[in-house]
N, C-alpha and C. Protein backbone atom coordinates (compact mmCIF):
# COMPACT_ATOMS: atom_id res chain seq x y z
N PRO A 1 105.45 88.26 105.66
CA PRO A 1 104.67 89.08 104.73
C PRO A 1 104.90 90.57 104.96
N ASN A 2 104.81 91.35 103.91
CA ASN A 2 105.00 92.79 104.03
C ASN A 2 103.69 93.46 104.45
N ALA A 3 103.77 94.77 104.73
CA ALA A 3 102.61 95.51 105.24
C ALA A 3 101.41 95.40 104.30
N GLY A 4 101.65 95.52 103.00
CA GLY A 4 100.56 95.44 102.03
C GLY A 4 99.87 94.09 102.05
N GLN A 5 100.67 93.02 102.11
CA GLN A 5 100.10 91.67 102.14
C GLN A 5 99.30 91.44 103.43
N ILE A 6 99.79 92.00 104.53
CA ILE A 6 99.10 91.85 105.81
C ILE A 6 97.75 92.56 105.75
N GLN A 7 97.75 93.78 105.21
CA GLN A 7 96.50 94.54 105.10
C GLN A 7 95.52 93.83 104.16
N GLU A 8 96.05 93.24 103.10
CA GLU A 8 95.22 92.48 102.18
C GLU A 8 94.60 91.27 102.90
N GLY A 9 95.40 90.62 103.73
CA GLY A 9 94.93 89.46 104.49
C GLY A 9 93.80 89.82 105.44
N ILE A 10 93.92 90.98 106.07
CA ILE A 10 92.84 91.47 106.97
C ILE A 10 91.56 91.67 106.16
N GLY A 11 91.71 92.35 105.02
CA GLY A 11 90.55 92.61 104.16
C GLY A 11 89.87 91.32 103.73
N GLU A 12 90.68 90.33 103.31
CA GLU A 12 90.12 89.06 102.87
C GLU A 12 89.42 88.32 104.01
N SER A 13 90.03 88.31 105.18
CA SER A 13 89.43 87.58 106.31
C SER A 13 88.10 88.21 106.70
N ILE A 14 88.02 89.53 106.68
CA ILE A 14 86.77 90.22 107.04
C ILE A 14 85.74 90.03 105.94
N ASN A 15 86.20 90.10 104.69
CA ASN A 15 85.31 89.89 103.56
C ASN A 15 84.66 88.50 103.62
N ASN A 16 85.44 87.50 104.01
CA ASN A 16 84.91 86.13 104.13
C ASN A 16 83.84 86.04 105.21
N ILE A 17 84.02 86.78 106.30
CA ILE A 17 83.02 86.78 107.38
C ILE A 17 81.74 87.48 106.89
N VAL A 18 81.91 88.60 106.19
CA VAL A 18 80.76 89.33 105.64
C VAL A 18 79.99 88.42 104.67
N LYS A 19 80.71 87.74 103.77
CA LYS A 19 80.07 86.82 102.81
C LYS A 19 79.31 85.72 103.55
N HIS A 20 79.90 85.21 104.63
CA HIS A 20 79.27 84.17 105.44
C HIS A 20 77.88 84.61 105.88
N PHE A 21 77.76 85.83 106.35
CA PHE A 21 76.48 86.32 106.87
C PHE A 21 75.49 86.67 105.75
N HIS A 22 75.99 86.85 104.53
CA HIS A 22 75.10 87.15 103.42
C HIS A 22 74.55 85.88 102.76
N LYS A 23 75.07 84.73 103.16
CA LYS A 23 74.54 83.46 102.63
C LYS A 23 73.30 83.08 103.41
N PRO A 24 72.41 82.30 102.78
CA PRO A 24 71.27 81.77 103.55
C PRO A 24 71.82 80.89 104.69
N GLU A 25 71.14 80.90 105.81
CA GLU A 25 71.66 80.22 106.99
C GLU A 25 72.04 78.76 106.73
N LYS A 26 71.25 78.07 105.91
CA LYS A 26 71.52 76.64 105.64
C LYS A 26 72.83 76.43 104.90
N GLU A 27 73.27 77.45 104.17
CA GLU A 27 74.47 77.30 103.34
C GLU A 27 75.74 77.79 104.02
N ARG A 28 75.60 78.34 105.20
CA ARG A 28 76.78 78.89 105.88
C ARG A 28 77.69 77.78 106.39
N GLY A 29 78.97 78.02 106.21
CA GLY A 29 79.95 77.08 106.76
C GLY A 29 80.23 77.44 108.21
N SER A 30 81.41 77.08 108.67
CA SER A 30 81.79 77.32 110.07
C SER A 30 82.35 78.72 110.27
N LEU A 31 81.70 79.46 111.14
CA LEU A 31 82.21 80.79 111.49
C LEU A 31 83.53 80.66 112.26
N THR A 32 83.66 79.58 113.02
CA THR A 32 84.89 79.35 113.79
C THR A 32 86.10 79.27 112.86
N ILE A 33 85.93 78.61 111.71
CA ILE A 33 87.04 78.50 110.76
C ILE A 33 87.38 79.87 110.19
N LEU A 34 86.34 80.69 109.95
CA LEU A 34 86.57 82.05 109.42
C LEU A 34 87.25 82.94 110.46
N LEU A 35 87.06 82.62 111.73
CA LEU A 35 87.72 83.39 112.79
C LEU A 35 89.10 82.82 113.09
N CYS A 36 89.17 81.51 113.30
CA CYS A 36 90.40 80.89 113.83
C CYS A 36 91.16 80.04 112.83
N GLY A 37 90.63 79.86 111.63
CA GLY A 37 91.30 79.02 110.64
C GLY A 37 92.57 79.66 110.09
N GLU A 38 93.17 78.97 109.14
CA GLU A 38 94.47 79.37 108.60
C GLU A 38 94.49 80.80 108.07
N PHE A 39 93.44 81.22 107.37
CA PHE A 39 93.41 82.59 106.83
C PHE A 39 92.31 83.40 107.52
N GLY A 40 92.00 83.04 108.75
CA GLY A 40 90.92 83.68 109.49
C GLY A 40 91.31 85.02 110.09
N LEU A 41 90.35 85.63 110.76
CA LEU A 41 90.55 86.94 111.36
C LEU A 41 91.66 86.94 112.41
N VAL A 42 91.69 85.89 113.24
CA VAL A 42 92.72 85.82 114.29
C VAL A 42 94.11 85.81 113.65
N SER A 43 94.27 84.96 112.67
CA SER A 43 95.56 84.83 111.98
C SER A 43 95.95 86.16 111.32
N ALA A 44 94.98 86.81 110.68
CA ALA A 44 95.25 88.09 110.00
C ALA A 44 95.65 89.17 111.00
N LEU A 45 94.95 89.22 112.14
CA LEU A 45 95.30 90.22 113.15
C LEU A 45 96.62 89.89 113.82
N GLU A 46 96.92 88.60 113.96
CA GLU A 46 98.23 88.22 114.52
C GLU A 46 99.35 88.77 113.63
N GLN A 47 99.13 88.72 112.31
CA GLN A 47 100.13 89.26 111.37
C GLN A 47 100.34 90.75 111.62
N VAL A 48 99.24 91.47 111.87
CA VAL A 48 99.33 92.90 112.17
C VAL A 48 100.16 93.10 113.44
N PHE A 49 99.83 92.31 114.47
CA PHE A 49 100.53 92.44 115.75
C PHE A 49 102.00 92.02 115.66
N HIS A 50 102.31 91.10 114.75
CA HIS A 50 103.70 90.64 114.61
C HIS A 50 104.53 91.59 113.76
N HIS A 51 103.88 92.42 112.93
CA HIS A 51 104.61 93.31 112.04
C HIS A 51 105.36 94.37 112.86
N GLY A 52 106.68 94.34 112.77
CA GLY A 52 107.49 95.32 113.49
C GLY A 52 107.59 95.07 114.98
N PHE A 53 107.15 93.88 115.43
CA PHE A 53 107.22 93.54 116.85
C PHE A 53 108.66 93.19 117.21
N LYS A 54 109.18 93.81 118.26
CA LYS A 54 110.55 93.53 118.68
C LYS A 54 110.56 92.24 119.50
N SER A 55 110.50 91.12 118.80
CA SER A 55 110.36 89.86 119.52
C SER A 55 111.70 89.19 119.76
N ALA A 56 112.77 89.89 119.42
CA ALA A 56 114.08 89.30 119.64
C ALA A 56 114.10 88.75 121.05
N ARG A 57 114.52 87.52 121.14
CA ARG A 57 114.48 86.85 122.44
C ARG A 57 115.25 87.69 123.46
N LEU A 58 114.53 88.17 124.43
CA LEU A 58 115.17 88.96 125.47
C LEU A 58 115.69 88.02 126.55
N PHE A 59 116.95 88.06 126.80
CA PHE A 59 117.55 87.21 127.84
C PHE A 59 117.09 85.77 127.70
N GLN A 60 117.16 85.24 126.47
CA GLN A 60 116.81 83.85 126.18
C GLN A 60 115.35 83.52 126.51
N LYS A 61 114.51 84.54 126.57
CA LYS A 61 113.09 84.29 126.87
C LYS A 61 112.28 84.80 125.70
N ASN A 62 111.42 83.94 125.14
CA ASN A 62 110.59 84.39 124.02
C ASN A 62 109.61 85.46 124.49
N VAL A 63 109.42 86.45 123.65
CA VAL A 63 108.46 87.50 123.94
C VAL A 63 107.27 87.30 123.00
N PHE A 64 106.08 87.26 123.56
CA PHE A 64 104.87 87.02 122.78
C PHE A 64 104.05 88.30 122.67
N ILE A 65 103.14 88.33 121.69
CA ILE A 65 102.22 89.46 121.54
C ILE A 65 101.42 89.62 122.84
N TRP A 66 101.09 88.49 123.48
CA TRP A 66 100.32 88.55 124.73
C TRP A 66 101.09 89.34 125.80
N ASP A 67 102.42 89.29 125.75
CA ASP A 67 103.24 90.06 126.71
C ASP A 67 103.00 91.56 126.49
N PHE A 68 102.89 91.96 125.22
CA PHE A 68 102.58 93.36 124.90
C PHE A 68 101.19 93.72 125.44
N ILE A 69 100.22 92.82 125.22
CA ILE A 69 98.85 93.04 125.69
C ILE A 69 98.84 93.23 127.21
N GLU A 70 99.55 92.36 127.91
CA GLU A 70 99.59 92.45 129.38
C GLU A 70 100.28 93.72 129.86
N LYS A 71 101.36 94.13 129.16
CA LYS A 71 102.04 95.38 129.53
C LYS A 71 101.12 96.58 129.30
N ALA A 72 100.33 96.52 128.22
CA ALA A 72 99.37 97.60 127.94
C ALA A 72 98.34 97.68 129.06
N VAL A 73 97.86 96.53 129.51
CA VAL A 73 96.88 96.50 130.61
C VAL A 73 97.49 97.10 131.88
N MET A 74 98.75 96.75 132.16
CA MET A 74 99.42 97.31 133.34
C MET A 74 99.50 98.83 133.22
N TYR A 75 99.79 99.32 132.02
CA TYR A 75 99.85 100.76 131.78
C TYR A 75 98.48 101.40 132.02
N PHE A 76 97.43 100.83 131.43
CA PHE A 76 96.08 101.41 131.55
C PHE A 76 95.62 101.40 133.01
N GLU A 77 95.92 100.31 133.70
CA GLU A 77 95.49 100.23 135.11
C GLU A 77 96.26 101.22 135.97
N ALA A 78 97.53 101.46 135.63
CA ALA A 78 98.33 102.42 136.39
C ALA A 78 97.88 103.85 136.12
N THR A 79 97.57 104.17 134.85
CA THR A 79 97.18 105.54 134.52
C THR A 79 95.78 105.85 135.04
N GLU A 80 94.99 104.81 135.26
CA GLU A 80 93.65 105.03 135.79
C GLU A 80 93.74 105.71 137.16
N GLU A 81 94.80 105.41 137.87
CA GLU A 81 94.98 105.98 139.20
C GLU A 81 95.68 107.34 139.16
N ASP A 82 96.28 107.66 138.01
CA ASP A 82 97.04 108.90 137.88
C ASP A 82 96.13 110.03 137.41
N GLU A 83 95.83 110.96 138.31
CA GLU A 83 94.86 112.03 138.01
C GLU A 83 95.35 113.01 136.95
N ASP A 84 96.66 113.16 136.79
CA ASP A 84 97.20 114.16 135.87
C ASP A 84 96.79 113.94 134.42
N SER A 85 96.64 112.69 134.03
CA SER A 85 96.35 112.42 132.62
C SER A 85 94.84 112.31 132.37
N GLN A 86 94.06 113.00 133.17
CA GLN A 86 92.60 112.88 133.10
C GLN A 86 91.96 113.20 131.76
N GLU A 87 92.26 114.38 131.18
CA GLU A 87 91.55 114.76 129.95
C GLU A 87 91.72 113.69 128.88
N ASN A 88 92.95 113.30 128.69
CA ASN A 88 93.25 112.30 127.67
C ASN A 88 92.57 110.98 128.02
N LEU A 89 92.48 110.72 129.28
CA LEU A 89 92.00 109.44 129.75
C LEU A 89 90.50 109.27 129.59
N LEU A 90 89.76 110.37 129.76
CA LEU A 90 88.30 110.26 129.75
C LEU A 90 87.77 109.58 128.49
N LYS A 91 88.32 109.96 127.33
CA LYS A 91 87.82 109.34 126.11
C LYS A 91 88.24 107.88 125.99
N LEU A 92 89.38 107.55 126.58
CA LEU A 92 89.86 106.16 126.50
C LEU A 92 89.38 105.30 127.66
N LYS A 93 88.92 105.96 128.72
CA LYS A 93 88.63 105.24 129.96
C LYS A 93 87.68 104.07 129.78
N GLY A 94 86.55 104.33 129.11
CA GLY A 94 85.59 103.25 128.89
C GLY A 94 86.21 102.10 128.12
N CYS A 95 86.91 102.43 127.04
CA CYS A 95 87.55 101.42 126.20
C CYS A 95 88.61 100.65 126.97
N SER A 96 89.46 101.39 127.68
CA SER A 96 90.56 100.72 128.36
C SER A 96 90.05 99.87 129.51
N ALA A 97 88.99 100.34 130.19
CA ALA A 97 88.42 99.55 131.29
C ALA A 97 87.87 98.23 130.76
N THR A 98 87.17 98.30 129.62
CA THR A 98 86.62 97.09 129.02
C THR A 98 87.74 96.17 128.56
N PHE A 99 88.75 96.76 127.90
CA PHE A 99 89.89 95.99 127.41
C PHE A 99 90.56 95.26 128.58
N CYS A 100 90.82 95.98 129.67
CA CYS A 100 91.47 95.38 130.85
C CYS A 100 90.61 94.27 131.43
N GLN A 101 89.30 94.51 131.47
CA GLN A 101 88.38 93.50 132.01
C GLN A 101 88.49 92.20 131.21
N TYR A 102 88.51 92.30 129.89
CA TYR A 102 88.60 91.12 129.03
C TYR A 102 89.95 90.41 129.19
N VAL A 103 91.02 91.18 129.14
CA VAL A 103 92.36 90.59 129.25
C VAL A 103 92.52 89.90 130.61
N ASN A 104 92.06 90.57 131.68
CA ASN A 104 92.19 89.99 133.01
C ASN A 104 91.35 88.72 133.16
N ALA A 105 90.16 88.72 132.56
CA ALA A 105 89.30 87.53 132.62
C ALA A 105 89.96 86.36 131.89
N ILE A 106 90.58 86.65 130.74
CA ILE A 106 91.26 85.59 129.98
C ILE A 106 92.48 85.09 130.76
N SER A 107 93.23 86.02 131.35
CA SER A 107 94.42 85.62 132.12
C SER A 107 94.05 84.80 133.34
N ALA A 108 92.89 85.08 133.92
CA ALA A 108 92.48 84.40 135.16
C ALA A 108 91.74 83.08 134.88
N ALA A 109 91.48 82.79 133.61
CA ALA A 109 90.74 81.58 133.27
C ALA A 109 91.47 80.35 133.76
N PRO A 110 90.73 79.38 134.30
CA PRO A 110 91.36 78.20 134.87
C PRO A 110 92.08 77.33 133.85
N ARG A 111 91.62 77.32 132.60
CA ARG A 111 92.25 76.45 131.60
C ARG A 111 93.55 77.05 131.10
N SER A 112 94.52 76.19 130.97
CA SER A 112 95.82 76.64 130.48
C SER A 112 95.79 76.60 128.96
N ILE A 113 95.82 77.78 128.32
CA ILE A 113 95.73 77.81 126.86
C ILE A 113 96.94 78.47 126.20
N GLY A 114 97.91 78.87 126.98
CA GLY A 114 99.11 79.47 126.39
C GLY A 114 98.86 80.88 125.89
N LYS A 115 99.94 81.58 125.61
CA LYS A 115 99.83 83.00 125.25
C LYS A 115 99.19 83.20 123.88
N ASP A 116 99.47 82.32 122.93
CA ASP A 116 98.84 82.45 121.61
C ASP A 116 97.35 82.15 121.69
N GLY A 117 96.99 81.18 122.53
CA GLY A 117 95.58 80.84 122.75
C GLY A 117 94.83 81.99 123.39
N LYS A 118 95.50 82.69 124.29
CA LYS A 118 94.87 83.85 124.95
C LYS A 118 94.62 84.97 123.95
N LEU A 119 95.58 85.19 123.05
CA LEU A 119 95.41 86.22 122.03
C LEU A 119 94.25 85.85 121.11
N GLN A 120 94.17 84.57 120.72
CA GLN A 120 93.07 84.11 119.87
C GLN A 120 91.73 84.37 120.55
N LEU A 121 91.67 84.07 121.83
CA LEU A 121 90.43 84.25 122.59
C LEU A 121 90.06 85.73 122.67
N LEU A 122 91.05 86.58 122.89
CA LEU A 122 90.80 88.03 122.97
C LEU A 122 90.24 88.54 121.64
N VAL A 123 90.83 88.10 120.53
CA VAL A 123 90.35 88.53 119.21
C VAL A 123 88.92 88.04 118.98
N CYS A 124 88.65 86.78 119.32
CA CYS A 124 87.30 86.22 119.11
C CYS A 124 86.26 86.94 119.95
N LEU A 125 86.57 87.19 121.21
CA LEU A 125 85.63 87.90 122.08
C LEU A 125 85.45 89.34 121.61
N GLY A 126 86.55 89.95 121.18
CA GLY A 126 86.48 91.32 120.67
C GLY A 126 85.64 91.41 119.40
N ALA A 127 85.74 90.38 118.56
CA ALA A 127 84.92 90.33 117.33
C ALA A 127 83.45 90.12 117.70
N ARG A 128 83.20 89.19 118.61
CA ARG A 128 81.82 88.89 119.02
C ARG A 128 81.13 90.13 119.59
N ASP A 129 81.85 90.86 120.43
CA ASP A 129 81.26 91.99 121.15
C ASP A 129 81.51 93.33 120.45
N HIS A 130 82.02 93.26 119.20
CA HIS A 130 82.25 94.45 118.37
C HIS A 130 83.15 95.48 119.07
N LEU A 131 84.20 95.00 119.72
CA LEU A 131 85.10 95.89 120.47
C LEU A 131 86.45 96.09 119.79
N LEU A 132 86.77 95.28 118.79
CA LEU A 132 88.09 95.39 118.15
C LEU A 132 88.38 96.78 117.60
N PRO A 133 87.40 97.46 116.97
CA PRO A 133 87.70 98.81 116.45
C PRO A 133 88.02 99.82 117.56
N GLN A 134 87.62 99.54 118.80
CA GLN A 134 87.97 100.42 119.92
C GLN A 134 89.33 100.03 120.51
N TRP A 135 89.60 98.73 120.52
CA TRP A 135 90.83 98.25 121.15
C TRP A 135 92.08 98.54 120.32
N ILE A 136 91.96 98.47 119.00
CA ILE A 136 93.15 98.68 118.15
C ILE A 136 93.75 100.08 118.37
N PRO A 137 92.94 101.17 118.32
CA PRO A 137 93.56 102.50 118.55
C PRO A 137 94.07 102.65 119.98
N LEU A 138 93.41 101.98 120.91
CA LEU A 138 93.84 102.01 122.31
C LEU A 138 95.26 101.46 122.42
N LEU A 139 95.50 100.33 121.77
CA LEU A 139 96.84 99.71 121.79
C LEU A 139 97.83 100.53 120.98
N ALA A 140 97.36 101.10 119.87
CA ALA A 140 98.25 101.89 119.01
C ALA A 140 98.72 103.16 119.71
N GLU A 141 97.88 103.70 120.61
CA GLU A 141 98.23 104.94 121.32
C GLU A 141 98.97 104.68 122.63
N CYS A 142 99.02 103.44 123.05
CA CYS A 142 99.63 103.10 124.34
C CYS A 142 101.15 103.31 124.27
N PRO A 143 101.72 104.06 125.23
CA PRO A 143 103.18 104.32 125.20
C PRO A 143 104.04 103.05 125.19
N VAL A 144 103.52 101.96 125.69
CA VAL A 144 104.27 100.69 125.71
C VAL A 144 104.68 100.29 124.29
N ILE A 145 103.89 100.72 123.31
CA ILE A 145 104.13 100.32 121.92
C ILE A 145 105.51 100.73 121.43
N SER A 146 106.00 101.89 121.88
CA SER A 146 107.30 102.36 121.40
C SER A 146 108.45 101.48 121.90
N ARG A 147 108.25 100.81 123.02
CA ARG A 147 109.29 99.92 123.54
C ARG A 147 109.24 98.54 122.87
N MET A 148 108.07 98.15 122.40
CA MET A 148 107.92 96.78 121.92
C MET A 148 107.76 96.67 120.41
N TYR A 149 107.65 97.83 119.73
CA TYR A 149 107.48 97.82 118.27
C TYR A 149 108.45 98.77 117.60
N GLU A 150 108.93 98.35 116.42
CA GLU A 150 109.80 99.20 115.59
C GLU A 150 108.98 100.39 115.09
N ASP A 151 109.69 101.44 114.65
CA ASP A 151 108.99 102.63 114.15
C ASP A 151 108.10 102.33 112.96
N GLY A 152 108.52 101.42 112.09
CA GLY A 152 107.76 101.13 110.87
C GLY A 152 106.63 100.13 111.04
N ALA A 153 106.34 99.72 112.24
CA ALA A 153 105.29 98.71 112.47
C ALA A 153 103.91 99.23 112.05
N LEU A 154 103.08 98.34 111.56
CA LEU A 154 101.72 98.73 111.15
C LEU A 154 100.96 99.39 112.29
N LEU A 155 101.11 98.88 113.51
CA LEU A 155 100.39 99.45 114.65
C LEU A 155 100.84 100.86 115.00
N ARG A 156 102.01 101.27 114.46
CA ARG A 156 102.50 102.63 114.74
C ARG A 156 102.27 103.56 113.55
N ASP A 157 101.57 103.05 112.54
CA ASP A 157 101.28 103.81 111.34
C ASP A 157 99.81 104.25 111.42
N HIS A 158 99.59 105.56 111.60
CA HIS A 158 98.22 106.07 111.82
C HIS A 158 97.28 105.72 110.67
N ALA A 159 97.76 105.84 109.43
CA ALA A 159 96.92 105.54 108.28
C ALA A 159 96.52 104.06 108.28
N ALA A 160 97.49 103.19 108.58
CA ALA A 160 97.21 101.75 108.61
C ALA A 160 96.23 101.41 109.73
N VAL A 161 96.41 102.04 110.89
CA VAL A 161 95.52 101.80 112.03
C VAL A 161 94.10 102.27 111.69
N ASN A 162 93.96 103.46 111.10
CA ASN A 162 92.64 103.97 110.73
C ASN A 162 91.97 103.07 109.70
N SER A 163 92.74 102.59 108.76
CA SER A 163 92.22 101.68 107.74
C SER A 163 91.75 100.38 108.40
N LEU A 164 92.54 99.86 109.32
CA LEU A 164 92.18 98.63 110.05
C LEU A 164 90.88 98.82 110.83
N ILE A 165 90.75 99.97 111.49
CA ILE A 165 89.54 100.27 112.27
C ILE A 165 88.32 100.27 111.34
N ARG A 166 88.45 100.95 110.20
CA ARG A 166 87.32 101.01 109.26
C ARG A 166 86.91 99.62 108.79
N VAL A 167 87.88 98.80 108.46
CA VAL A 167 87.58 97.45 107.98
C VAL A 167 86.92 96.63 109.08
N LEU A 168 87.42 96.73 110.31
CA LEU A 168 86.85 95.98 111.43
C LEU A 168 85.42 96.44 111.73
N GLN A 169 85.14 97.72 111.49
CA GLN A 169 83.79 98.23 111.77
C GLN A 169 82.74 97.62 110.85
N THR A 170 83.15 97.06 109.72
CA THR A 170 82.17 96.44 108.83
C THR A 170 81.53 95.21 109.46
N LEU A 171 82.13 94.69 110.52
CA LEU A 171 81.56 93.52 111.20
C LEU A 171 80.47 93.89 112.20
N HIS A 172 80.29 95.20 112.45
CA HIS A 172 79.34 95.65 113.47
C HIS A 172 77.92 95.17 113.24
N GLU A 173 77.53 95.06 111.98
CA GLU A 173 76.13 94.72 111.71
C GLU A 173 75.83 93.23 111.90
N PHE A 174 76.86 92.44 112.16
CA PHE A 174 76.65 90.99 112.24
C PHE A 174 76.70 90.48 113.68
N ASN A 175 75.86 89.50 113.93
CA ASN A 175 75.80 88.89 115.25
C ASN A 175 76.73 87.68 115.25
N ILE A 176 77.92 87.86 115.77
CA ILE A 176 78.91 86.80 115.77
C ILE A 176 78.75 85.96 117.04
N THR A 177 78.43 84.69 116.85
CA THR A 177 78.31 83.81 118.02
C THR A 177 79.51 82.87 118.01
N LEU A 178 80.06 82.65 119.18
CA LEU A 178 81.24 81.79 119.30
C LEU A 178 80.85 80.43 119.86
N GLU A 179 81.50 79.40 119.37
CA GLU A 179 81.28 78.06 119.90
C GLU A 179 81.73 78.04 121.36
N ALA A 180 81.00 77.27 122.15
CA ALA A 180 81.33 77.17 123.58
C ALA A 180 82.78 76.73 123.80
N SER A 181 83.27 75.86 122.94
CA SER A 181 84.65 75.37 123.07
C SER A 181 85.67 76.50 122.91
N LEU A 182 85.29 77.52 122.11
CA LEU A 182 86.18 78.65 121.89
C LEU A 182 86.25 79.57 123.10
N VAL A 183 85.10 79.78 123.72
CA VAL A 183 85.00 80.74 124.83
C VAL A 183 85.65 80.18 126.09
N LYS A 184 85.83 78.87 126.12
CA LYS A 184 86.59 78.21 127.20
C LYS A 184 86.15 78.64 128.60
N GLY A 185 84.86 78.69 128.80
CA GLY A 185 84.33 78.97 130.15
C GLY A 185 84.56 80.38 130.66
N ILE A 186 84.85 81.31 129.77
CA ILE A 186 85.06 82.69 130.21
C ILE A 186 83.72 83.41 130.18
N ASP A 187 83.39 84.02 131.28
CA ASP A 187 82.07 84.63 131.42
C ASP A 187 82.14 86.13 131.17
N LEU A 188 82.03 86.52 129.92
CA LEU A 188 82.07 87.95 129.57
C LEU A 188 80.90 88.28 128.66
């Protein structure tokens, strides 16, 4: 799908979640399907993350979006110790610390869920805790992005990122609860 179709997919997936919460409780379907189903939020955000991703198999090894997430965490954890980048860091510090905490908790989880499963879990937890609008710009500004994404990628397009943040913020007013099976024993 092209950038426009991906952005449309994000809008539709979020719109479906908003509609879900505007229905009387008895009439609501499964929130899990709206998050993890075929046209759900996870799938729509995966499209954003895949757009312009340099996934060409490096040395016969598949590269996953989760690899980008882990490299970003390594960057944030390394810069936390680097005093020189303090001013820039202060505004991101809270966000990056939380982001790292979530990613590390998912990586350390005893259940083996694979890299795509880990990304799904990160998106679901981020949606539940209303953190996605903070995490997206954090990843978009991370220097690792230039190594792993083409110049034309949605995540490297400031207007697209700002639009994505605004759309994700519409979920703030809703209390998203995740099924226990989704959270997979992660205590966050």
